[in-house]
Amino acid sequence: MPVVGAESGLSAVQAAQRLAEDCHNALPAGQRRSLLSIAMETVREPMFLLLLAAGNLYMLFDDR
């Protein structure tokens, strides 16, 4: 694919040709995730586990 300078850009014909060759510039649609799968993924995150551990230590060593 030839490089086009930023100053000149593509002509309408070149843009139409590239659109026909490469289709639209879009990401493929991903699968929808359920709320349960998102929650399980979050619980397995290391930062979340660290937060839980820190919270448990705070409650364990509470200095009232």
N, C-alpha and C. Protein backbone atom coordinates (compact mmCIF):
# COMPACT_ATOMS: atom_id res chain seq x y z
N MET A 1 0.85 -1.16 0.00
CA MET A 1 0.00 0.00 0.00
C MET A 1 0.90 1.23 0.00
N PRO A 2 0.76 2.09 -0.97
CA PRO A 2 1.62 3.27 -1.04
C PRO A 2 1.28 4.28 0.05
N VAL A 3 2.31 4.98 0.49
CA VAL A 3 2.13 5.98 1.55
C VAL A 3 1.73 7.30 0.90
N VAL A 4 0.77 7.97 1.49
CA VAL A 4 0.30 9.26 0.99
C VAL A 4 0.67 10.31 2.01
N GLY A 5 1.19 11.44 1.56
CA GLY A 5 1.58 12.51 2.47
C GLY A 5 0.39 13.09 3.21
N ALA A 6 0.64 13.56 4.43
CA ALA A 6 -0.43 14.12 5.25
C ALA A 6 -0.97 15.42 4.68
N GLU A 7 -0.13 16.15 3.94
CA GLU A 7 -0.56 17.43 3.39
C GLU A 7 -1.59 17.24 2.28
N SER A 8 -1.35 16.28 1.42
CA SER A 8 -2.22 16.12 0.25
C SER A 8 -3.40 15.20 0.51
N GLY A 9 -3.22 14.16 1.28
CA GLY A 9 -4.29 13.22 1.57
C GLY A 9 -4.66 12.40 0.35
N LEU A 10 -5.73 11.66 0.45
CA LEU A 10 -6.21 10.83 -0.65
C LEU A 10 -7.23 11.60 -1.47
N SER A 11 -7.25 11.30 -2.75
CA SER A 11 -8.31 11.86 -3.58
C SER A 11 -9.58 11.04 -3.34
N ALA A 12 -10.69 11.54 -3.81
CA ALA A 12 -11.96 10.83 -3.62
C ALA A 12 -11.92 9.47 -4.32
N VAL A 13 -11.27 9.41 -5.47
CA VAL A 13 -11.17 8.15 -6.21
C VAL A 13 -10.32 7.15 -5.44
N GLN A 14 -9.17 7.61 -4.91
CA GLN A 14 -8.31 6.72 -4.13
C GLN A 14 -9.01 6.23 -2.87
N ALA A 15 -9.74 7.13 -2.21
CA ALA A 15 -10.47 6.74 -1.00
C ALA A 15 -11.53 5.69 -1.32
N ALA A 16 -12.26 5.88 -2.41
CA ALA A 16 -13.29 4.91 -2.80
C ALA A 16 -12.65 3.58 -3.16
N GLN A 17 -11.50 3.62 -3.83
CA GLN A 17 -10.81 2.38 -4.21
C GLN A 17 -10.36 1.62 -2.96
N ARG A 18 -9.78 2.32 -2.00
CA ARG A 18 -9.32 1.65 -0.77
C ARG A 18 -10.50 1.11 0.03
N LEU A 19 -11.60 1.85 0.04
CA LEU A 19 -12.79 1.37 0.75
C LEU A 19 -13.30 0.09 0.11
N ALA A 20 -13.28 0.03 -1.21
CA ALA A 20 -13.73 -1.18 -1.92
C ALA A 20 -12.80 -2.36 -1.66
N GLU A 21 -11.49 -2.09 -1.58
CA GLU A 21 -10.52 -3.17 -1.36
C GLU A 21 -10.51 -3.66 0.08
N ASP A 22 -10.53 -2.72 1.02
CA ASP A 22 -10.31 -3.07 2.43
C ASP A 22 -11.57 -3.07 3.28
N CYS A 23 -12.70 -2.71 2.73
CA CYS A 23 -13.97 -2.59 3.47
C CYS A 23 -13.87 -1.48 4.51
N HIS A 24 -14.85 -1.41 5.36
CA HIS A 24 -14.90 -0.35 6.37
C HIS A 24 -13.85 -0.57 7.44
N ASN A 25 -13.39 0.51 8.01
CA ASN A 25 -12.39 0.46 9.08
C ASN A 25 -13.12 0.26 10.41
N ALA A 26 -13.44 -0.98 10.71
CA ALA A 26 -14.19 -1.28 11.92
C ALA A 26 -13.66 -2.57 12.54
N LEU A 27 -13.72 -2.63 13.85
CA LEU A 27 -13.34 -3.85 14.56
C LEU A 27 -14.47 -4.86 14.47
N PRO A 28 -14.15 -6.14 14.47
CA PRO A 28 -15.22 -7.14 14.46
C PRO A 28 -15.98 -7.10 15.78
N ALA A 29 -17.25 -7.38 15.70
CA ALA A 29 -18.09 -7.36 16.90
C ALA A 29 -17.68 -8.49 17.83
N GLY A 30 -17.50 -8.17 19.09
CA GLY A 30 -17.12 -9.18 20.08
C GLY A 30 -18.35 -9.86 20.65
N GLN A 31 -18.10 -10.93 21.37
CA GLN A 31 -19.20 -11.63 22.00
C GLN A 31 -19.66 -10.86 23.23
N ARG A 32 -20.95 -10.87 23.47
CA ARG A 32 -21.48 -10.22 24.67
C ARG A 32 -21.16 -11.09 25.88
N ARG A 33 -20.77 -10.43 26.97
CA ARG A 33 -20.41 -11.16 28.18
C ARG A 33 -21.51 -10.97 29.22
N SER A 34 -21.76 -12.00 29.97
CA SER A 34 -22.78 -11.91 31.01
C SER A 34 -22.22 -11.19 32.23
N LEU A 35 -23.10 -10.73 33.07
CA LEU A 35 -22.70 -10.03 34.29
C LEU A 35 -21.89 -10.96 35.19
N LEU A 36 -22.25 -12.23 35.22
CA LEU A 36 -21.52 -13.20 36.05
C LEU A 36 -20.09 -13.39 35.55
N SER A 37 -19.89 -13.47 34.24
CA SER A 37 -18.53 -13.65 33.72
C SER A 37 -17.68 -12.41 33.98
N ILE A 38 -18.27 -11.23 33.91
CA ILE A 38 -17.53 -10.00 34.21
C ILE A 38 -17.15 -9.98 35.69
N ALA A 39 -18.08 -10.38 36.56
CA ALA A 39 -17.80 -10.40 38.00
C ALA A 39 -16.70 -11.41 38.33
N MET A 40 -16.75 -12.58 37.72
CA MET A 40 -15.73 -13.60 37.98
C MET A 40 -14.36 -13.13 37.49
N GLU A 41 -14.32 -12.45 36.37
CA GLU A 41 -13.06 -11.92 35.85
C GLU A 41 -12.50 -10.86 36.79
N THR A 42 -13.36 -10.04 37.35
CA THR A 42 -12.93 -8.99 38.27
C THR A 42 -12.38 -9.59 39.56
N VAL A 43 -13.03 -10.62 40.07
CA VAL A 43 -12.60 -11.25 41.33
C VAL A 43 -11.22 -11.88 41.16
N ARG A 44 -10.87 -12.33 39.97
CA ARG A 44 -9.57 -12.95 39.72
C ARG A 44 -8.45 -11.96 39.47
N GLU A 45 -8.76 -10.67 39.41
CA GLU A 45 -7.73 -9.65 39.18
C GLU A 45 -6.80 -9.55 40.38
N PRO A 46 -5.49 -9.48 40.17
CA PRO A 46 -4.54 -9.38 41.28
C PRO A 46 -4.76 -8.13 42.14
N MET A 47 -5.08 -7.01 41.54
CA MET A 47 -5.29 -5.79 42.33
C MET A 47 -6.52 -5.91 43.22
N PHE A 48 -7.56 -6.57 42.74
CA PHE A 48 -8.75 -6.78 43.55
C PHE A 48 -8.43 -7.69 44.73
N LEU A 49 -7.65 -8.74 44.47
CA LEU A 49 -7.27 -9.65 45.56
C LEU A 49 -6.40 -8.93 46.58
N LEU A 50 -5.51 -8.06 46.13
CA LEU A 50 -4.68 -7.27 47.03
C LEU A 50 -5.55 -6.34 47.88
N LEU A 51 -6.55 -5.73 47.28
CA LEU A 51 -7.47 -4.87 48.02
C LEU A 51 -8.23 -5.66 49.08
N LEU A 52 -8.68 -6.85 48.73
CA LEU A 52 -9.37 -7.69 49.72
C LEU A 52 -8.44 -8.08 50.87
N ALA A 53 -7.21 -8.44 50.54
CA ALA A 53 -6.24 -8.81 51.57
C ALA A 53 -5.95 -7.63 52.48
N ALA A 54 -5.77 -6.45 51.92
CA ALA A 54 -5.49 -5.26 52.72
C ALA A 54 -6.69 -4.92 53.61
N GLY A 55 -7.88 -5.06 53.09
CA GLY A 55 -9.08 -4.80 53.88
C GLY A 55 -9.21 -5.78 55.03
N ASN A 56 -8.91 -7.04 54.78
CA ASN A 56 -8.97 -8.05 55.85
C ASN A 56 -7.92 -7.77 56.92
N LEU A 57 -6.71 -7.39 56.52
CA LEU A 57 -5.68 -7.05 57.51
C LEU A 57 -6.09 -5.83 58.32
N TYR A 58 -6.68 -4.86 57.69
CA TYR A 58 -7.13 -3.66 58.39
C TYR A 58 -8.18 -4.02 59.44
N MET A 59 -9.12 -4.89 59.07
CA MET A 59 -10.15 -5.29 60.03
C MET A 59 -9.56 -6.16 61.14
N LEU A 60 -8.57 -7.00 60.82
CA LEU A 60 -7.95 -7.88 61.80
C LEU A 60 -7.16 -7.09 62.84
N PHE A 61 -6.41 -6.09 62.42
CA PHE A 61 -5.57 -5.31 63.32
C PHE A 61 -6.18 -3.96 63.68
N ASP A 62 -7.49 -3.91 63.75
CA ASP A 62 -8.18 -2.66 64.08
C ASP A 62 -7.75 -2.19 65.46
N ASP A 63 -7.23 -0.94 65.59
CA ASP A 63 -6.77 -0.46 66.89
C ASP A 63 -7.74 0.58 67.45
N ARG A 64 -8.77 0.07 68.08
CA ARG A 64 -9.74 0.94 68.75
C ARG A 64 -9.32 1.16 70.16
